[in-house]
Each structure stands twice: as C-alpha cells, then as structure tokens.
C-alpha cells in the first residue's frame, strides 16, 4: 500500500533543491570526469523522482539506499583527494596562493561537518513533524553539492597530474 508522506506542494522545494545535483553533472561532464557525472545524475534523478510525490514505497527505498551509496562515494573521494592533494595544494601546484589552498582544504572538511549536521537536523525535525525539516534538508542538498564540486575539482586535478 502506498502512503503519502506529504502532499505534493509541500515537497516542491525539495524537488527544486534536488536540481542542485545538476550543477556537478554539468561540471563533471564538461571536464570529462564521467564517473561523477553518472553518480550525480543518478542521485539527482532518484531524489527528484522520489520528492515529486513523496510516498512510502519503492521510490523512497531507492532514494534512501542510493543517497547512502552516493554519500559514501563522495566522502571516500573527499578524504582520498584531500589527503593526496593537500601537500600539492600547499606546494602551489593547484593554486599559486597557499591561503586559497588552505581555504579549499578547510571548506571541504567544514562542508562534511555541515552535511552531517543538516542531515541530522532534517531528520530531527522530520520526526517532530516540524516543517523546519524541509529547510534543513535543502541546506543539506546545497552543502552536498558544494562539496561535490570541490571533490570533482580536486579529483580531476589528481587524475590529470598522474597522467602527465
């Protein structure tokens, strides 16, 4: 049996925030980093498809499972690329300014914290049946995508620097 969680007009902002995932799709496609193009597009498609009419059922289960897979891929990539690129960043290989390099590093780790924070706040308010869950979930989407863009940038640099 399919049960509506929220009526459609209540979840429209979440569908719109799912569109944020198209920015990394376009960027990763443009720089020919296709793995992240596929991951971000599938994340966008599953998320938007679920939130267009949020119901308990297969679409919700798929969204919950794939969002965790996507999150795992991006967190792992984040940790790997930052670990390998931070010495390069400080060595002026990516930027000519160590302050900017440090900002990239700090921003990425801060975003990881904010991603977890806003996801947990969204869940907390959702359980209270408080509409604030939606704002927190939209912020979660925003910070995920900021971090995804940093990961694609750093990962693309790492990939290119290994083949040249």
N, C-alpha and C. Protein backbone atom coordinates (compact mmCIF):
# COMPACT_ATOMS: atom_id res chain seq x y z
N UNK A 1 0.84 -1.18 0.00
CA UNK A 1 0.00 0.00 0.00
C UNK A 1 0.88 1.25 0.00
N UNK A 2 0.54 2.21 -0.80
CA UNK A 2 1.30 3.45 -0.91
C UNK A 2 0.66 4.50 -0.02
N UNK A 3 1.49 5.11 0.81
CA UNK A 3 1.01 6.13 1.74
C UNK A 3 1.75 7.43 1.48
N UNK A 4 0.99 8.51 1.26
CA UNK A 4 1.62 9.82 1.08
C UNK A 4 2.26 10.27 2.38
N UNK A 5 3.48 10.78 2.30
CA UNK A 5 4.15 11.34 3.46
C UNK A 5 3.75 12.80 3.60
N UNK A 6 3.86 13.54 2.52
CA UNK A 6 3.48 14.95 2.48
C UNK A 6 2.78 15.20 1.17
N UNK A 7 1.84 16.12 1.15
CA UNK A 7 1.19 16.44 -0.11
C UNK A 7 2.19 17.12 -1.03
N UNK A 8 1.96 17.01 -2.33
CA UNK A 8 2.95 17.39 -3.33
C UNK A 8 3.46 18.82 -3.18
N UNK A 9 2.59 19.79 -2.89
CA UNK A 9 3.07 21.17 -2.85
C UNK A 9 4.03 21.40 -1.69
N UNK A 10 3.99 20.55 -0.68
CA UNK A 10 4.93 20.70 0.43
C UNK A 10 6.33 20.23 0.07
N UNK A 11 6.44 19.34 -0.90
CA UNK A 11 7.76 18.81 -1.24
C UNK A 11 8.36 19.47 -2.48
N UNK A 12 7.66 20.41 -3.08
CA UNK A 12 8.20 21.08 -4.26
C UNK A 12 9.56 21.75 -4.00
N UNK A 13 9.77 22.40 -2.85
CA UNK A 13 11.10 22.98 -2.61
C UNK A 13 12.21 21.92 -2.57
N UNK A 14 11.89 20.73 -2.07
CA UNK A 14 12.89 19.67 -2.04
C UNK A 14 13.21 19.21 -3.46
N UNK A 15 12.18 19.11 -4.30
CA UNK A 15 12.42 18.75 -5.71
C UNK A 15 13.33 19.80 -6.34
N UNK A 16 13.06 21.06 -6.08
CA UNK A 16 13.90 22.13 -6.62
C UNK A 16 15.33 22.04 -6.09
N UNK A 17 15.48 21.72 -4.81
CA UNK A 17 16.84 21.60 -4.27
C UNK A 17 17.55 20.37 -4.83
N UNK A 18 16.79 19.38 -5.28
CA UNK A 18 17.40 18.23 -5.95
C UNK A 18 18.03 18.65 -7.27
N UNK A 19 17.52 19.74 -7.85
CA UNK A 19 18.11 20.27 -9.08
C UNK A 19 19.55 20.72 -8.87
N UNK A 20 19.94 21.02 -7.63
CA UNK A 20 21.32 21.40 -7.33
C UNK A 20 22.29 20.33 -7.85
N UNK A 21 21.85 19.06 -7.85
CA UNK A 21 22.73 17.98 -8.28
C UNK A 21 23.06 18.05 -9.77
N UNK A 22 22.34 18.86 -10.52
CA UNK A 22 22.65 19.01 -11.94
C UNK A 22 23.89 19.87 -12.16
N UNK A 23 24.24 20.72 -11.22
CA UNK A 23 25.44 21.55 -11.36
C UNK A 23 26.69 20.67 -11.43
N UNK A 24 26.90 19.73 -10.48
CA UNK A 24 28.05 18.84 -10.62
C UNK A 24 27.96 17.94 -11.86
N UNK A 25 26.75 17.59 -12.28
CA UNK A 25 26.59 16.80 -13.51
C UNK A 25 27.19 17.56 -14.69
N UNK A 26 26.81 18.82 -14.82
CA UNK A 26 27.28 19.64 -15.94
C UNK A 26 28.79 19.87 -15.84
N UNK A 27 29.26 20.20 -14.64
CA UNK A 27 30.69 20.48 -14.46
C UNK A 27 31.54 19.23 -14.74
N UNK A 28 31.16 18.10 -14.17
CA UNK A 28 31.95 16.88 -14.37
C UNK A 28 31.88 16.41 -15.83
N UNK A 29 30.76 16.61 -16.48
CA UNK A 29 30.66 16.26 -17.90
C UNK A 29 31.56 17.18 -18.73
N UNK A 30 31.54 18.45 -18.41
CA UNK A 30 32.35 19.43 -19.14
C UNK A 30 33.85 19.10 -19.06
N UNK A 31 34.31 18.66 -17.89
CA UNK A 31 35.74 18.36 -17.74
C UNK A 31 36.04 16.88 -18.02
N UNK A 32 35.03 16.14 -18.49
CA UNK A 32 35.17 14.74 -18.89
C UNK A 32 35.53 13.82 -17.72
N UNK A 33 34.96 14.10 -16.58
CA UNK A 33 35.14 13.25 -15.40
C UNK A 33 33.82 12.49 -15.21
N UNK A 34 33.62 11.50 -16.07
CA UNK A 34 32.30 10.90 -16.27
C UNK A 34 31.79 10.09 -15.10
N UNK A 35 32.67 9.54 -14.29
CA UNK A 35 32.20 8.78 -13.13
C UNK A 35 31.30 9.64 -12.25
N UNK A 36 31.74 10.86 -11.97
CA UNK A 36 30.94 11.75 -11.12
C UNK A 36 29.73 12.32 -11.87
N UNK A 37 29.81 12.37 -13.20
CA UNK A 37 28.64 12.76 -13.98
C UNK A 37 27.52 11.75 -13.75
N UNK A 38 27.87 10.48 -13.83
CA UNK A 38 26.87 9.41 -13.66
C UNK A 38 26.35 9.38 -12.23
N UNK A 39 27.24 9.42 -11.24
CA UNK A 39 26.81 9.36 -9.84
C UNK A 39 25.90 10.54 -9.51
N UNK A 40 26.28 11.74 -9.91
CA UNK A 40 25.47 12.92 -9.61
C UNK A 40 24.14 12.91 -10.36
N UNK A 41 24.15 12.44 -11.61
CA UNK A 41 22.90 12.40 -12.36
C UNK A 41 21.93 11.38 -11.77
N UNK A 42 22.44 10.21 -11.43
CA UNK A 42 21.56 9.19 -10.83
C UNK A 42 21.04 9.68 -9.49
N UNK A 43 21.89 10.34 -8.70
CA UNK A 43 21.45 10.92 -7.43
C UNK A 43 20.34 11.93 -7.67
N UNK A 44 20.55 12.83 -8.63
CA UNK A 44 19.52 13.82 -8.97
C UNK A 44 18.22 13.14 -9.38
N UNK A 45 18.31 12.20 -10.30
CA UNK A 45 17.11 11.57 -10.86
C UNK A 45 16.31 10.84 -9.78
N UNK A 46 16.99 10.05 -8.97
CA UNK A 46 16.30 9.30 -7.92
C UNK A 46 15.71 10.24 -6.88
N UNK A 47 16.47 11.25 -6.48
CA UNK A 47 16.00 12.20 -5.47
C UNK A 47 14.78 12.99 -5.97
N UNK A 48 14.90 13.55 -7.17
CA UNK A 48 13.79 14.34 -7.72
C UNK A 48 12.56 13.47 -7.96
N UNK A 49 12.79 12.25 -8.42
CA UNK A 49 11.67 11.34 -8.67
C UNK A 49 10.94 11.00 -7.37
N UNK A 50 11.69 10.79 -6.31
CA UNK A 50 11.03 10.50 -5.04
C UNK A 50 10.29 11.72 -4.50
N UNK A 51 10.95 12.86 -4.46
CA UNK A 51 10.36 14.04 -3.81
C UNK A 51 9.24 14.70 -4.61
N UNK A 52 9.09 14.36 -5.89
CA UNK A 52 7.99 14.95 -6.66
C UNK A 52 6.65 14.51 -6.11
N UNK A 53 6.59 13.32 -5.51
CA UNK A 53 5.40 12.84 -4.81
C UNK A 53 5.89 11.87 -3.75
N UNK A 54 6.23 12.41 -2.61
CA UNK A 54 6.85 11.61 -1.55
C UNK A 54 5.86 10.60 -0.98
N UNK A 55 6.14 9.34 -1.28
CA UNK A 55 5.30 8.26 -0.76
C UNK A 55 6.19 7.16 -0.20
N UNK A 56 5.65 6.43 0.74
CA UNK A 56 6.37 5.27 1.26
C UNK A 56 6.23 4.17 0.23
N UNK A 57 7.35 3.62 -0.18
CA UNK A 57 7.32 2.59 -1.21
C UNK A 57 8.69 2.45 -1.85
N UNK A 58 8.69 1.88 -3.06
CA UNK A 58 9.94 1.57 -3.75
C UNK A 58 10.78 2.81 -4.01
N UNK A 59 10.17 3.90 -4.48
CA UNK A 59 10.93 5.12 -4.80
C UNK A 59 11.62 5.67 -3.56
N UNK A 60 10.96 5.61 -2.43
CA UNK A 60 11.56 6.08 -1.17
C UNK A 60 12.73 5.19 -0.78
N UNK A 61 12.51 3.87 -0.86
CA UNK A 61 13.58 2.93 -0.52
C UNK A 61 14.79 3.13 -1.42
N UNK A 62 14.53 3.32 -2.71
CA UNK A 62 15.61 3.55 -3.66
C UNK A 62 16.36 4.84 -3.32
N UNK A 63 15.63 5.90 -2.99
CA UNK A 63 16.24 7.17 -2.61
C UNK A 63 17.10 7.00 -1.36
N UNK A 64 16.59 6.31 -0.37
CA UNK A 64 17.35 6.11 0.87
C UNK A 64 18.61 5.29 0.63
N UNK A 65 18.52 4.25 -0.18
CA UNK A 65 19.68 3.40 -0.44
C UNK A 65 20.70 4.14 -1.30
N UNK A 66 20.26 4.73 -2.42
CA UNK A 66 21.22 5.37 -3.31
C UNK A 66 21.84 6.62 -2.71
N UNK A 67 21.09 7.34 -1.90
CA UNK A 67 21.68 8.53 -1.26
C UNK A 67 22.83 8.12 -0.34
N UNK A 68 22.71 6.97 0.30
CA UNK A 68 23.80 6.49 1.16
C UNK A 68 24.99 6.01 0.34
N UNK A 69 24.70 5.37 -0.79
CA UNK A 69 25.78 4.95 -1.69
C UNK A 69 26.51 6.18 -2.22
N UNK A 70 25.76 7.15 -2.70
CA UNK A 70 26.34 8.39 -3.22
C UNK A 70 27.15 9.11 -2.14
N UNK A 71 26.58 9.21 -0.96
CA UNK A 71 27.27 9.85 0.16
C UNK A 71 28.60 9.14 0.43
N UNK A 72 28.58 7.82 0.45
CA UNK A 72 29.80 7.04 0.70
C UNK A 72 30.85 7.28 -0.38
N UNK A 73 30.41 7.32 -1.63
CA UNK A 73 31.34 7.57 -2.74
C UNK A 73 31.99 8.94 -2.58
N UNK A 74 31.18 9.95 -2.28
CA UNK A 74 31.72 11.31 -2.20
C UNK A 74 32.56 11.54 -0.95
N UNK A 75 32.19 10.95 0.17
CA UNK A 75 33.01 11.11 1.37
C UNK A 75 34.36 10.41 1.17
N UNK A 76 34.33 9.20 0.62
CA UNK A 76 35.58 8.49 0.35
C UNK A 76 36.45 9.28 -0.62
N UNK A 77 35.85 9.77 -1.69
CA UNK A 77 36.60 10.58 -2.66
C UNK A 77 37.16 11.83 -2.01
N UNK A 78 36.36 12.46 -1.17
CA UNK A 78 36.79 13.67 -0.47
C UNK A 78 38.04 13.38 0.37
N UNK A 79 37.98 12.34 1.16
CA UNK A 79 39.10 12.02 2.04
C UNK A 79 40.34 11.64 1.24
N UNK A 80 40.16 10.87 0.18
CA UNK A 80 41.30 10.46 -0.65
C UNK A 80 41.90 11.66 -1.37
N UNK A 81 41.08 12.44 -2.05
CA UNK A 81 41.61 13.56 -2.83
C UNK A 81 42.23 14.63 -1.95
N UNK A 82 41.62 14.90 -0.81
CA UNK A 82 42.22 15.90 0.08
C UNK A 82 43.52 15.38 0.68
N UNK A 83 43.55 14.10 1.02
CA UNK A 83 44.77 13.53 1.60
C UNK A 83 45.93 13.62 0.61
N UNK A 84 45.67 13.27 -0.65
CA UNK A 84 46.73 13.29 -1.64
C UNK A 84 47.02 14.67 -2.21
N UNK A 85 46.02 15.52 -2.23
CA UNK A 85 46.20 16.83 -2.86
C UNK A 85 46.64 17.92 -1.89
N UNK A 86 46.42 17.74 -0.60
CA UNK A 86 46.77 18.83 0.31
C UNK A 86 48.25 19.20 0.23
N UNK A 87 49.17 18.23 0.22
CA UNK A 87 50.58 18.63 0.03
C UNK A 87 50.79 19.34 -1.31
N UNK A 88 50.06 18.91 -2.35
CA UNK A 88 50.17 19.59 -3.64
C UNK A 88 49.60 20.99 -3.56
N UNK A 89 48.48 21.11 -2.83
CA UNK A 89 47.88 22.43 -2.67
C UNK A 89 48.85 23.38 -1.98
N UNK A 90 49.48 22.90 -0.92
CA UNK A 90 50.43 23.75 -0.20
C UNK A 90 51.68 24.00 -1.01
N UNK A 91 52.00 23.08 -1.92
CA UNK A 91 53.17 23.23 -2.76
C UNK A 91 52.90 24.04 -4.01
N UNK A 92 51.79 24.77 -4.01
CA UNK A 92 51.45 25.69 -5.10
C UNK A 92 51.24 24.99 -6.44
N UNK A 93 50.91 23.71 -6.42
CA UNK A 93 50.70 23.00 -7.68
C UNK A 93 49.33 23.32 -8.30
N UNK A 94 48.31 23.49 -7.46
CA UNK A 94 46.98 23.78 -7.99
C UNK A 94 46.75 25.28 -8.04
N UNK A 95 47.11 25.96 -6.96
CA UNK A 95 46.95 27.41 -6.94
C UNK A 95 48.29 28.02 -6.62
N UNK A 96 48.44 29.27 -6.93
CA UNK A 96 49.68 29.97 -6.62
C UNK A 96 49.59 30.69 -5.29
N UNK A 97 48.60 30.37 -4.53
CA UNK A 97 48.37 31.07 -3.27
C UNK A 97 48.06 30.04 -2.19
N UNK A 98 48.93 29.90 -1.20
CA UNK A 98 48.71 28.89 -0.16
C UNK A 98 47.49 29.22 0.68
N UNK A 99 47.11 30.51 0.77
CA UNK A 99 45.90 30.87 1.51
C UNK A 99 44.67 30.28 0.83
N UNK A 100 44.61 30.37 -0.49
CA UNK A 100 43.49 29.79 -1.24
C UNK A 100 43.49 28.28 -1.09
N UNK A 101 44.67 27.66 -1.14
CA UNK A 101 44.78 26.22 -0.98
C UNK A 101 44.25 25.78 0.38
N UNK A 102 44.60 26.50 1.41
CA UNK A 102 44.12 26.18 2.75
C UNK A 102 42.62 26.39 2.84
N UNK A 103 42.11 27.41 2.17
CA UNK A 103 40.67 27.65 2.16
C UNK A 103 39.94 26.47 1.51
N UNK A 104 40.47 25.94 0.41
CA UNK A 104 39.86 24.77 -0.23
C UNK A 104 39.81 23.61 0.75
N UNK A 105 40.90 23.37 1.43
CA UNK A 105 41.00 22.26 2.39
C UNK A 105 40.01 22.45 3.54
N UNK A 106 40.00 23.62 4.13
CA UNK A 106 39.11 23.90 5.26
C UNK A 106 37.65 23.87 4.82
N UNK A 107 37.36 24.43 3.65
CA UNK A 107 35.99 24.43 3.14
C UNK A 107 35.47 23.02 2.96
N UNK A 108 36.29 22.16 2.41
CA UNK A 108 35.84 20.80 2.16
C UNK A 108 35.53 20.06 3.46
N UNK A 109 36.42 20.16 4.44
CA UNK A 109 36.15 19.49 5.72
C UNK A 109 35.01 20.16 6.47
N UNK A 110 34.89 21.46 6.39
CA UNK A 110 33.75 22.14 7.02
C UNK A 110 32.44 21.70 6.39
N UNK A 111 32.46 21.55 5.08
CA UNK A 111 31.26 21.08 4.39
C UNK A 111 30.86 19.68 4.84
N UNK A 112 31.83 18.82 5.06
CA UNK A 112 31.50 17.48 5.57
C UNK A 112 30.75 17.59 6.89
N UNK A 113 31.23 18.45 7.75
CA UNK A 113 30.54 18.67 9.03
C UNK A 113 29.13 19.20 8.79
N UNK A 114 29.00 20.20 7.92
CA UNK A 114 27.69 20.80 7.66
C UNK A 114 26.72 19.82 7.00
N UNK A 115 27.23 18.96 6.15
CA UNK A 115 26.39 17.94 5.52
C UNK A 115 25.78 17.04 6.58
N UNK A 116 26.61 16.53 7.46
CA UNK A 116 26.12 15.65 8.53
C UNK A 116 25.20 16.42 9.47
N UNK A 117 25.57 17.64 9.80
CA UNK A 117 24.76 18.46 10.71
C UNK A 117 23.35 18.69 10.15
N UNK A 118 23.26 19.16 8.91
CA UNK A 118 21.95 19.47 8.35
C UNK A 118 21.13 18.22 8.05
N UNK A 119 21.78 17.12 7.74
CA UNK A 119 21.04 15.87 7.57
C UNK A 119 20.41 15.45 8.90
N UNK A 120 21.19 15.51 9.96
CA UNK A 120 20.67 15.13 11.28
C UNK A 120 19.58 16.09 11.76
N UNK A 121 19.76 17.38 11.51
CA UNK A 121 18.71 18.35 11.89
C UNK A 121 17.44 18.11 11.08
N UNK A 122 17.59 17.79 9.82
CA UNK A 122 16.43 17.49 8.99
C UNK A 122 15.68 16.28 9.55
N UNK A 123 16.42 15.25 9.89
CA UNK A 123 15.80 14.04 10.45
C UNK A 123 15.12 14.34 11.78
N UNK A 124 15.79 15.14 12.61
CA UNK A 124 15.24 15.51 13.92
C UNK A 124 13.89 16.23 13.76
N UNK A 125 13.85 17.24 12.90
CA UNK A 125 12.61 17.99 12.70
C UNK A 125 11.54 17.16 11.98
N UNK A 126 11.99 16.27 11.11
CA UNK A 126 11.04 15.39 10.43
C UNK A 126 10.31 14.51 11.45
N UNK A 127 11.07 13.97 12.40
CA UNK A 127 10.46 13.12 13.44
C UNK A 127 9.51 13.92 14.32
N UNK A 128 9.76 15.21 14.50
CA UNK A 128 8.86 16.07 15.28
C UNK A 128 7.68 16.56 14.45
N UNK A 129 7.66 16.21 13.17
CA UNK A 129 6.64 16.68 12.24
C UNK A 129 6.64 18.21 12.14
N UNK A 130 7.84 18.78 12.21
CA UNK A 130 8.05 20.22 12.13
C UNK A 130 8.53 20.56 10.72
N UNK A 131 7.93 21.54 10.10
CA UNK A 131 8.24 21.91 8.72
C UNK A 131 9.69 22.37 8.55
N UNK A 132 10.40 22.66 9.65
CA UNK A 132 11.81 23.06 9.56
C UNK A 132 12.68 21.96 8.95
N UNK A 133 12.17 20.73 8.94
CA UNK A 133 12.95 19.64 8.36
C UNK A 133 13.26 19.94 6.89
N UNK A 134 12.32 20.59 6.20
CA UNK A 134 12.48 20.84 4.78
C UNK A 134 13.63 21.83 4.52
N UNK A 135 13.68 22.89 5.27
CA UNK A 135 14.75 23.89 5.12
C UNK A 135 16.11 23.23 5.38
N UNK A 136 16.16 22.42 6.43
CA UNK A 136 17.41 21.74 6.76
C UNK A 136 17.81 20.74 5.67
N UNK A 137 16.83 20.07 5.09
CA UNK A 137 17.14 19.12 4.03
C UNK A 137 17.62 19.85 2.77
N UNK A 138 17.05 21.00 2.50
CA UNK A 138 17.51 21.79 1.36
C UNK A 138 18.94 22.29 1.58
N UNK A 139 19.25 22.69 2.80
CA UNK A 139 20.63 23.10 3.11
C UNK A 139 21.57 21.91 3.01
N UNK A 140 21.11 20.75 3.41
CA UNK A 140 21.88 19.52 3.24
C UNK A 140 22.21 19.32 1.77
N UNK A 141 21.22 19.46 0.88
CA UNK A 141 21.47 19.33 -0.56
C UNK A 141 22.49 20.37 -1.04
N UNK A 142 22.34 21.59 -0.59
CA UNK A 142 23.25 22.66 -1.01
C UNK A 142 24.70 22.35 -0.62
N UNK A 143 24.92 21.99 0.64
CA UNK A 143 26.29 21.73 1.10
C UNK A 143 26.86 20.45 0.48
N UNK A 144 26.00 19.47 0.20
CA UNK A 144 26.47 18.29 -0.53
C UNK A 144 27.04 18.70 -1.88
N UNK A 145 26.33 19.56 -2.56
CA UNK A 145 26.75 19.94 -3.90
C UNK A 145 27.98 20.84 -3.91
N UNK A 146 28.12 21.68 -2.92
CA UNK A 146 29.36 22.47 -2.81
C UNK A 146 30.54 21.53 -2.65
N UNK A 147 30.37 20.54 -1.80
CA UNK A 147 31.46 19.59 -1.58
C UNK A 147 31.71 18.73 -2.82
N UNK A 148 30.65 18.34 -3.50
CA UNK A 148 30.81 17.54 -4.72
C UNK A 148 31.62 18.32 -5.75
N UNK A 149 31.36 19.61 -5.89
CA UNK A 149 32.12 20.42 -6.84
C UNK A 149 33.59 20.49 -6.45
N UNK A 150 33.89 20.62 -5.17
CA UNK A 150 35.28 20.61 -4.72
C UNK A 150 35.94 19.26 -4.98
N UNK A 151 35.20 18.19 -4.74
CA UNK A 151 35.73 16.85 -4.97
C UNK A 151 36.04 16.64 -6.45
N UNK A 152 35.13 17.05 -7.31
CA UNK A 152 35.35 16.90 -8.75
C UNK A 152 36.56 17.73 -9.18
N UNK A 153 36.68 18.93 -8.67
CA UNK A 153 37.82 19.78 -9.00
C UNK A 153 39.13 19.12 -8.56
N UNK A 154 39.19 18.69 -7.30
CA UNK A 154 40.41 18.08 -6.78
C UNK A 154 40.68 16.73 -7.44
N UNK A 155 39.63 15.94 -7.65
CA UNK A 155 39.80 14.64 -8.28
C UNK A 155 40.25 14.75 -9.71
N UNK A 156 39.74 15.71 -10.43
CA UNK A 156 40.16 15.94 -11.80
C UNK A 156 41.61 16.37 -11.84
N UNK A 157 42.01 17.22 -10.93
CA UNK A 157 43.41 17.65 -10.88
C UNK A 157 44.31 16.46 -10.59
N UNK A 158 43.92 15.63 -9.62
CA UNK A 158 44.72 14.46 -9.25
C UNK A 158 44.85 13.52 -10.44
N UNK A 159 43.75 13.28 -11.14
CA UNK A 159 43.76 12.38 -12.29
C UNK A 159 44.68 12.92 -13.38
N UNK A 160 44.57 14.19 -13.68
CA UNK A 160 45.38 14.80 -14.74
C UNK A 160 46.85 14.81 -14.34
N UNK A 161 47.15 15.11 -13.07
CA UNK A 161 48.54 15.19 -12.65
C UNK A 161 49.20 13.82 -12.66
N UNK A 162 48.43 12.74 -12.56
CA UNK A 162 49.00 11.40 -12.59
C UNK A 162 49.33 10.94 -14.00
N UNK A 163 48.69 11.51 -15.01
CA UNK A 163 48.94 11.04 -16.37
C UNK A 163 49.86 11.97 -17.14
N UNK A 164 50.26 13.09 -16.54
CA UNK A 164 51.16 14.00 -17.25
C UNK A 164 52.56 13.88 -16.70
